[in-house]
């Protein structure tokens, strides 16, 4: 199983980025949960957004309506649209998928992880 993220980069505060995560060897549309996490230096990995196989969505409190998680089943790809970015959003962003389970906030519950894509927001 391989998850490959892309779309990170350097953006000014207030700007937007769209992250993508393409999976091979695991079907994101039937896995119970697929998510985006972020991790800043010296901090714990934190849930950004989660999407269930039934298309329910969950967001971290810090997102505050700025991000949208979605999935393209035909491409087996997970997306994270990030708008109104803030300097405090700067982190490495990882996608992850949980084949069976429901505790979406716990990184330990996820079976597969991507290598991460860096998002840097300048002030």
N, C-alpha and C. Protein backbone atom coordinates (compact mmCIF):
# COMPACT_ATOMS: atom_id res chain seq x y z
N UNK A 1 0.84 -1.18 0.00
CA UNK A 1 0.00 0.00 0.00
C UNK A 1 0.89 1.25 0.00
N UNK A 2 0.51 2.19 -0.83
CA UNK A 2 1.28 3.43 -0.91
C UNK A 2 0.33 4.62 -0.99
N UNK A 3 0.61 5.63 -0.16
CA UNK A 3 -0.11 6.89 -0.20
C UNK A 3 0.90 7.97 -0.58
N UNK A 4 0.61 8.73 -1.61
CA UNK A 4 1.54 9.75 -2.09
C UNK A 4 0.85 11.11 -2.07
N UNK A 5 1.37 12.00 -1.21
CA UNK A 5 0.81 13.35 -1.10
C UNK A 5 1.52 14.30 -2.07
N UNK A 6 0.80 15.33 -2.46
CA UNK A 6 1.38 16.40 -3.25
C UNK A 6 0.56 17.67 -3.02
N UNK A 7 1.11 18.79 -3.48
CA UNK A 7 0.37 20.04 -3.41
C UNK A 7 0.82 21.01 -2.34
N UNK A 8 1.75 20.60 -1.50
CA UNK A 8 2.25 21.52 -0.49
C UNK A 8 3.14 22.58 -1.12
N UNK A 9 3.54 23.55 -0.30
CA UNK A 9 4.40 24.60 -0.80
C UNK A 9 4.40 25.81 0.10
N UNK A 10 4.94 26.90 -0.42
CA UNK A 10 5.02 28.16 0.31
C UNK A 10 3.92 29.09 -0.20
N UNK A 11 3.16 29.66 0.71
CA UNK A 11 2.07 30.56 0.33
C UNK A 11 1.98 31.68 1.35
N UNK A 12 1.51 32.83 0.92
CA UNK A 12 1.33 33.94 1.85
C UNK A 12 0.06 33.76 2.67
N UNK A 13 0.05 34.37 3.82
CA UNK A 13 -1.15 34.33 4.67
C UNK A 13 -2.35 34.83 3.88
N UNK A 14 -3.48 34.12 4.05
CA UNK A 14 -4.68 34.44 3.30
C UNK A 14 -4.83 33.68 2.00
N UNK A 15 -3.76 33.00 1.59
CA UNK A 15 -3.77 32.25 0.35
C UNK A 15 -4.39 30.87 0.49
N UNK A 16 -4.31 30.11 -0.59
CA UNK A 16 -4.94 28.78 -0.64
C UNK A 16 -3.97 27.75 -1.20
N UNK A 17 -4.18 26.52 -0.79
CA UNK A 17 -3.48 25.37 -1.34
C UNK A 17 -4.46 24.22 -1.43
N UNK A 18 -4.19 23.31 -2.36
CA UNK A 18 -4.99 22.08 -2.47
C UNK A 18 -4.04 20.90 -2.40
N UNK A 19 -4.17 20.12 -1.35
CA UNK A 19 -3.35 18.93 -1.18
C UNK A 19 -4.06 17.74 -1.79
N UNK A 20 -3.27 16.83 -2.36
CA UNK A 20 -3.79 15.59 -2.92
C UNK A 20 -3.06 14.40 -2.32
N UNK A 21 -3.75 13.29 -2.22
CA UNK A 21 -3.17 12.05 -1.72
C UNK A 21 -3.72 10.91 -2.56
N UNK A 22 -2.86 10.34 -3.39
CA UNK A 22 -3.28 9.25 -4.27
C UNK A 22 -2.83 7.92 -3.67
N UNK A 23 -3.78 7.00 -3.57
CA UNK A 23 -3.52 5.71 -2.95
C UNK A 23 -3.39 4.62 -4.00
N UNK A 24 -2.53 3.67 -3.70
CA UNK A 24 -2.43 2.45 -4.49
C UNK A 24 -2.35 1.28 -3.53
N UNK A 25 -3.07 0.21 -3.86
CA UNK A 25 -3.06 -0.96 -3.02
C UNK A 25 -4.09 -0.96 -1.91
N UNK A 26 -4.84 0.14 -1.79
CA UNK A 26 -5.90 0.24 -0.79
C UNK A 26 -6.98 1.16 -1.34
N UNK A 27 -8.24 0.73 -1.24
CA UNK A 27 -9.34 1.49 -1.81
C UNK A 27 -9.88 2.48 -0.77
N UNK A 28 -9.63 3.77 -0.99
CA UNK A 28 -10.04 4.77 -0.01
C UNK A 28 -11.56 4.84 0.13
N UNK A 29 -12.30 4.46 -0.90
CA UNK A 29 -13.75 4.61 -0.84
C UNK A 29 -14.41 3.57 0.06
N UNK A 30 -13.72 2.46 0.34
CA UNK A 30 -14.30 1.43 1.20
C UNK A 30 -13.62 1.36 2.57
N UNK A 31 -12.46 2.00 2.71
CA UNK A 31 -11.85 2.08 4.04
C UNK A 31 -12.75 2.94 4.94
N UNK A 32 -12.81 2.61 6.20
CA UNK A 32 -13.75 3.31 7.09
C UNK A 32 -13.47 4.80 7.19
N UNK A 33 -12.20 5.17 7.35
CA UNK A 33 -11.84 6.58 7.53
C UNK A 33 -10.58 6.90 6.73
N UNK A 34 -10.56 8.03 6.05
CA UNK A 34 -9.33 8.57 5.46
C UNK A 34 -9.20 10.02 5.91
N UNK A 35 -7.99 10.42 6.24
CA UNK A 35 -7.83 11.69 6.95
C UNK A 35 -6.56 12.42 6.54
N UNK A 36 -6.53 13.68 6.94
CA UNK A 36 -5.34 14.50 6.89
C UNK A 36 -4.95 14.87 8.31
N UNK A 37 -3.67 14.71 8.62
CA UNK A 37 -3.08 15.15 9.88
C UNK A 37 -2.00 16.18 9.58
N UNK A 38 -1.67 16.98 10.57
CA UNK A 38 -0.54 17.88 10.44
C UNK A 38 0.36 17.76 11.66
N UNK A 39 1.62 18.06 11.45
CA UNK A 39 2.58 18.03 12.56
C UNK A 39 3.60 19.13 12.37
N UNK A 40 3.63 20.04 13.33
CA UNK A 40 4.63 21.10 13.34
C UNK A 40 5.80 20.67 14.20
N UNK A 41 6.98 21.24 13.97
CA UNK A 41 8.15 20.85 14.77
C UNK A 41 7.88 21.00 16.27
N UNK A 42 8.20 19.94 17.02
CA UNK A 42 8.03 19.97 18.46
C UNK A 42 6.62 19.74 18.95
N UNK A 43 5.70 19.50 18.02
CA UNK A 43 4.31 19.28 18.40
C UNK A 43 3.86 17.89 18.01
N UNK A 44 2.75 17.44 18.61
CA UNK A 44 2.19 16.14 18.28
C UNK A 44 1.43 16.21 16.96
N UNK A 45 1.29 15.04 16.33
CA UNK A 45 0.50 14.96 15.12
C UNK A 45 -0.96 15.22 15.47
N UNK A 46 -1.62 16.06 14.68
CA UNK A 46 -2.96 16.54 15.01
C UNK A 46 -3.90 16.33 13.82
N UNK A 47 -5.13 15.92 14.12
CA UNK A 47 -6.12 15.73 13.06
C UNK A 47 -6.49 17.07 12.44
N UNK A 48 -6.45 17.11 11.10
CA UNK A 48 -6.95 18.28 10.37
C UNK A 48 -8.38 18.03 9.92
N UNK A 49 -8.57 16.89 9.23
CA UNK A 49 -9.89 16.57 8.70
C UNK A 49 -9.97 15.08 8.43
N UNK A 50 -11.16 14.53 8.59
CA UNK A 50 -11.41 13.11 8.36
C UNK A 50 -12.66 12.94 7.50
N UNK A 51 -12.64 11.89 6.69
CA UNK A 51 -13.76 11.60 5.80
C UNK A 51 -14.07 10.12 5.89
N UNK A 52 -15.32 9.79 6.21
CA UNK A 52 -15.70 8.39 6.33
C UNK A 52 -16.09 7.81 4.98
N UNK A 53 -16.20 6.49 4.93
CA UNK A 53 -16.64 5.83 3.70
C UNK A 53 -18.07 6.23 3.36
N UNK A 54 -18.82 6.65 4.37
CA UNK A 54 -20.19 7.13 4.17
C UNK A 54 -20.27 8.61 3.90
N UNK A 55 -19.10 9.25 3.71
CA UNK A 55 -18.99 10.67 3.37
C UNK A 55 -19.32 11.62 4.51
N UNK A 56 -19.24 11.13 5.75
CA UNK A 56 -19.30 12.05 6.89
C UNK A 56 -17.94 12.71 7.04
N UNK A 57 -17.95 13.98 7.44
CA UNK A 57 -16.69 14.71 7.59
C UNK A 57 -16.53 15.21 9.03
N UNK A 58 -15.27 15.31 9.45
CA UNK A 58 -14.92 15.79 10.78
C UNK A 58 -13.70 16.69 10.62
N UNK A 59 -13.69 17.78 11.37
CA UNK A 59 -12.59 18.73 11.25
C UNK A 59 -12.02 19.07 12.62
N UNK A 60 -10.71 19.33 12.64
CA UNK A 60 -10.09 19.82 13.86
C UNK A 60 -10.63 21.20 14.20
N UNK A 61 -10.65 21.52 15.48
CA UNK A 61 -11.23 22.80 15.93
C UNK A 61 -10.53 23.99 15.29
N UNK A 62 -9.24 23.87 15.02
CA UNK A 62 -8.49 25.01 14.51
C UNK A 62 -8.84 25.31 13.04
N UNK A 63 -9.52 24.39 12.37
CA UNK A 63 -9.84 24.60 10.95
C UNK A 63 -10.87 25.74 10.79
N UNK A 64 -11.85 25.76 11.64
CA UNK A 64 -12.82 26.86 11.69
C UNK A 64 -13.43 27.19 10.32
N UNK A 65 -13.81 26.16 9.57
CA UNK A 65 -14.50 26.35 8.31
C UNK A 65 -13.63 26.72 7.14
N UNK A 66 -12.31 26.73 7.31
CA UNK A 66 -11.42 27.17 6.23
C UNK A 66 -11.02 26.05 5.27
N UNK A 67 -11.08 24.80 5.70
CA UNK A 67 -10.61 23.66 4.90
C UNK A 67 -11.78 22.76 4.54
N UNK A 68 -11.62 22.03 3.42
CA UNK A 68 -12.62 21.06 3.00
C UNK A 68 -11.93 19.78 2.57
N UNK A 69 -12.35 18.67 3.13
CA UNK A 69 -11.83 17.36 2.74
C UNK A 69 -12.80 16.73 1.75
N UNK A 70 -12.24 16.06 0.75
CA UNK A 70 -13.08 15.39 -0.25
C UNK A 70 -12.31 14.22 -0.84
N UNK A 71 -13.02 13.45 -1.63
CA UNK A 71 -12.42 12.24 -2.21
C UNK A 71 -12.95 12.04 -3.62
N UNK A 72 -12.06 11.64 -4.53
CA UNK A 72 -12.46 11.25 -5.88
C UNK A 72 -12.28 9.75 -5.98
N UNK A 73 -13.38 9.03 -5.95
CA UNK A 73 -13.30 7.56 -5.94
C UNK A 73 -12.75 7.01 -7.25
N UNK A 74 -12.99 7.69 -8.35
CA UNK A 74 -12.50 7.20 -9.64
C UNK A 74 -10.98 7.26 -9.74
N UNK A 75 -10.39 8.18 -8.97
CA UNK A 75 -8.93 8.34 -8.97
C UNK A 75 -8.29 7.81 -7.69
N UNK A 76 -9.12 7.31 -6.77
CA UNK A 76 -8.63 6.81 -5.48
C UNK A 76 -7.74 7.86 -4.82
N UNK A 77 -8.24 9.07 -4.79
CA UNK A 77 -7.47 10.22 -4.32
C UNK A 77 -8.26 11.00 -3.28
N UNK A 78 -7.56 11.40 -2.24
CA UNK A 78 -8.10 12.23 -1.16
C UNK A 78 -7.56 13.64 -1.34
N UNK A 79 -8.43 14.64 -1.10
CA UNK A 79 -8.04 16.03 -1.26
C UNK A 79 -8.24 16.81 0.04
N UNK A 80 -7.48 17.89 0.17
CA UNK A 80 -7.71 18.85 1.23
C UNK A 80 -7.57 20.25 0.62
N UNK A 81 -8.70 20.92 0.47
CA UNK A 81 -8.71 22.30 0.01
C UNK A 81 -8.52 23.21 1.22
N UNK A 82 -7.47 24.00 1.19
CA UNK A 82 -7.11 24.85 2.32
C UNK A 82 -7.21 26.31 1.89
N UNK A 83 -8.11 27.04 2.49
CA UNK A 83 -8.32 28.45 2.19
C UNK A 83 -8.00 29.31 3.41
N UNK A 84 -7.80 30.59 3.17
CA UNK A 84 -7.53 31.55 4.25
C UNK A 84 -6.44 31.02 5.18
N UNK A 85 -5.34 30.62 4.60
CA UNK A 85 -4.26 30.02 5.37
C UNK A 85 -3.62 31.04 6.31
N UNK A 86 -3.19 30.55 7.45
CA UNK A 86 -2.56 31.36 8.49
C UNK A 86 -1.14 30.86 8.75
N UNK A 87 -0.25 31.71 9.23
CA UNK A 87 1.10 31.23 9.54
C UNK A 87 1.11 30.04 10.50
N UNK A 88 0.15 30.00 11.40
CA UNK A 88 0.10 28.87 12.35
C UNK A 88 -0.33 27.56 11.70
N UNK A 89 -0.74 27.58 10.43
CA UNK A 89 -1.03 26.34 9.70
C UNK A 89 0.24 25.69 9.17
N UNK A 90 1.37 26.36 9.30
CA UNK A 90 2.63 25.81 8.82
C UNK A 90 2.94 24.49 9.52
N UNK A 91 3.14 23.44 8.73
CA UNK A 91 3.38 22.10 9.26
C UNK A 91 3.62 21.14 8.11
N UNK A 92 4.02 19.93 8.46
CA UNK A 92 4.01 18.82 7.51
C UNK A 92 2.62 18.22 7.56
N UNK A 93 2.05 18.00 6.38
CA UNK A 93 0.70 17.44 6.29
C UNK A 93 0.78 16.02 5.75
N UNK A 94 0.11 15.11 6.44
CA UNK A 94 0.13 13.69 6.09
C UNK A 94 -1.29 13.21 5.81
N UNK A 95 -1.43 12.35 4.82
CA UNK A 95 -2.70 11.64 4.69
C UNK A 95 -2.55 10.24 5.28
N UNK A 96 -3.65 9.71 5.71
CA UNK A 96 -3.67 8.40 6.35
C UNK A 96 -5.02 7.75 6.11
N UNK A 97 -5.03 6.43 6.13
CA UNK A 97 -6.27 5.71 5.93
C UNK A 97 -6.40 4.58 6.95
N UNK A 98 -7.63 4.40 7.42
CA UNK A 98 -7.97 3.40 8.43
C UNK A 98 -8.92 2.40 7.78
N UNK A 99 -8.48 1.16 7.65
CA UNK A 99 -9.31 0.18 6.97
C UNK A 99 -10.59 -0.09 7.75
N UNK A 100 -10.46 -0.38 9.04
CA UNK A 100 -11.63 -0.62 9.89
C UNK A 100 -11.42 0.10 11.20
N UNK A 101 -12.39 0.87 11.62
CA UNK A 101 -12.31 1.59 12.88
C UNK A 101 -13.12 2.86 12.82
N UNK A 102 -13.13 3.60 13.95
CA UNK A 102 -13.94 4.81 13.99
C UNK A 102 -13.33 5.92 14.84
N UNK A 103 -12.23 5.63 15.54
CA UNK A 103 -11.63 6.66 16.39
C UNK A 103 -10.72 7.51 15.52
N UNK A 104 -11.31 8.42 14.79
CA UNK A 104 -10.60 9.11 13.73
C UNK A 104 -9.55 10.09 14.25
N UNK A 105 -9.66 10.52 15.50
CA UNK A 105 -8.69 11.50 16.01
C UNK A 105 -7.37 10.86 16.44
N UNK A 106 -7.33 9.54 16.59
CA UNK A 106 -6.16 8.85 17.12
C UNK A 106 -5.26 8.37 15.99
N UNK A 107 -4.08 8.94 15.80
CA UNK A 107 -3.19 8.51 14.71
C UNK A 107 -2.83 7.02 14.78
N UNK A 108 -2.85 6.46 15.98
CA UNK A 108 -2.46 5.05 16.14
C UNK A 108 -3.46 4.09 15.51
N UNK A 109 -4.66 4.57 15.21
CA UNK A 109 -5.69 3.70 14.63
C UNK A 109 -5.55 3.53 13.12
N UNK A 110 -4.68 4.32 12.51
CA UNK A 110 -4.57 4.31 11.05
C UNK A 110 -3.57 3.26 10.59
N UNK A 111 -3.91 2.59 9.50
CA UNK A 111 -3.10 1.49 8.99
C UNK A 111 -1.97 1.97 8.07
N UNK A 112 -2.25 2.98 7.28
CA UNK A 112 -1.29 3.40 6.26
C UNK A 112 -1.15 4.91 6.26
N UNK A 113 0.09 5.36 6.00
CA UNK A 113 0.43 6.79 6.00
C UNK A 113 1.23 7.15 4.76
N UNK A 114 1.04 8.38 4.32
CA UNK A 114 1.91 8.92 3.29
C UNK A 114 3.18 9.49 3.89
N UNK A 115 4.06 9.99 3.02
CA UNK A 115 5.36 10.50 3.48
C UNK A 115 5.27 11.96 3.92
N UNK A 116 4.18 12.62 3.59
CA UNK A 116 3.99 14.01 4.02
C UNK A 116 4.33 15.02 2.95
N UNK A 117 3.68 16.16 3.03
CA UNK A 117 3.98 17.29 2.15
C UNK A 117 4.02 18.55 3.01
N UNK A 118 5.04 19.37 2.82
CA UNK A 118 5.26 20.53 3.67
C UNK A 118 4.40 21.70 3.21
N UNK A 119 3.72 22.32 4.17
CA UNK A 119 2.97 23.55 3.94
C UNK A 119 3.59 24.65 4.79
N UNK A 120 4.00 25.72 4.15
CA UNK A 120 4.58 26.85 4.85
C UNK A 120 3.81 28.11 4.49
N UNK A 121 3.31 28.80 5.51
CA UNK A 121 2.52 30.01 5.30
C UNK A 121 3.29 31.19 5.87
N UNK A 122 3.62 32.14 5.01
CA UNK A 122 4.38 33.30 5.46
C UNK A 122 3.43 34.44 5.84
N UNK A 123 3.88 35.25 6.78
CA UNK A 123 3.05 36.36 7.26
C UNK A 123 3.28 37.63 6.45
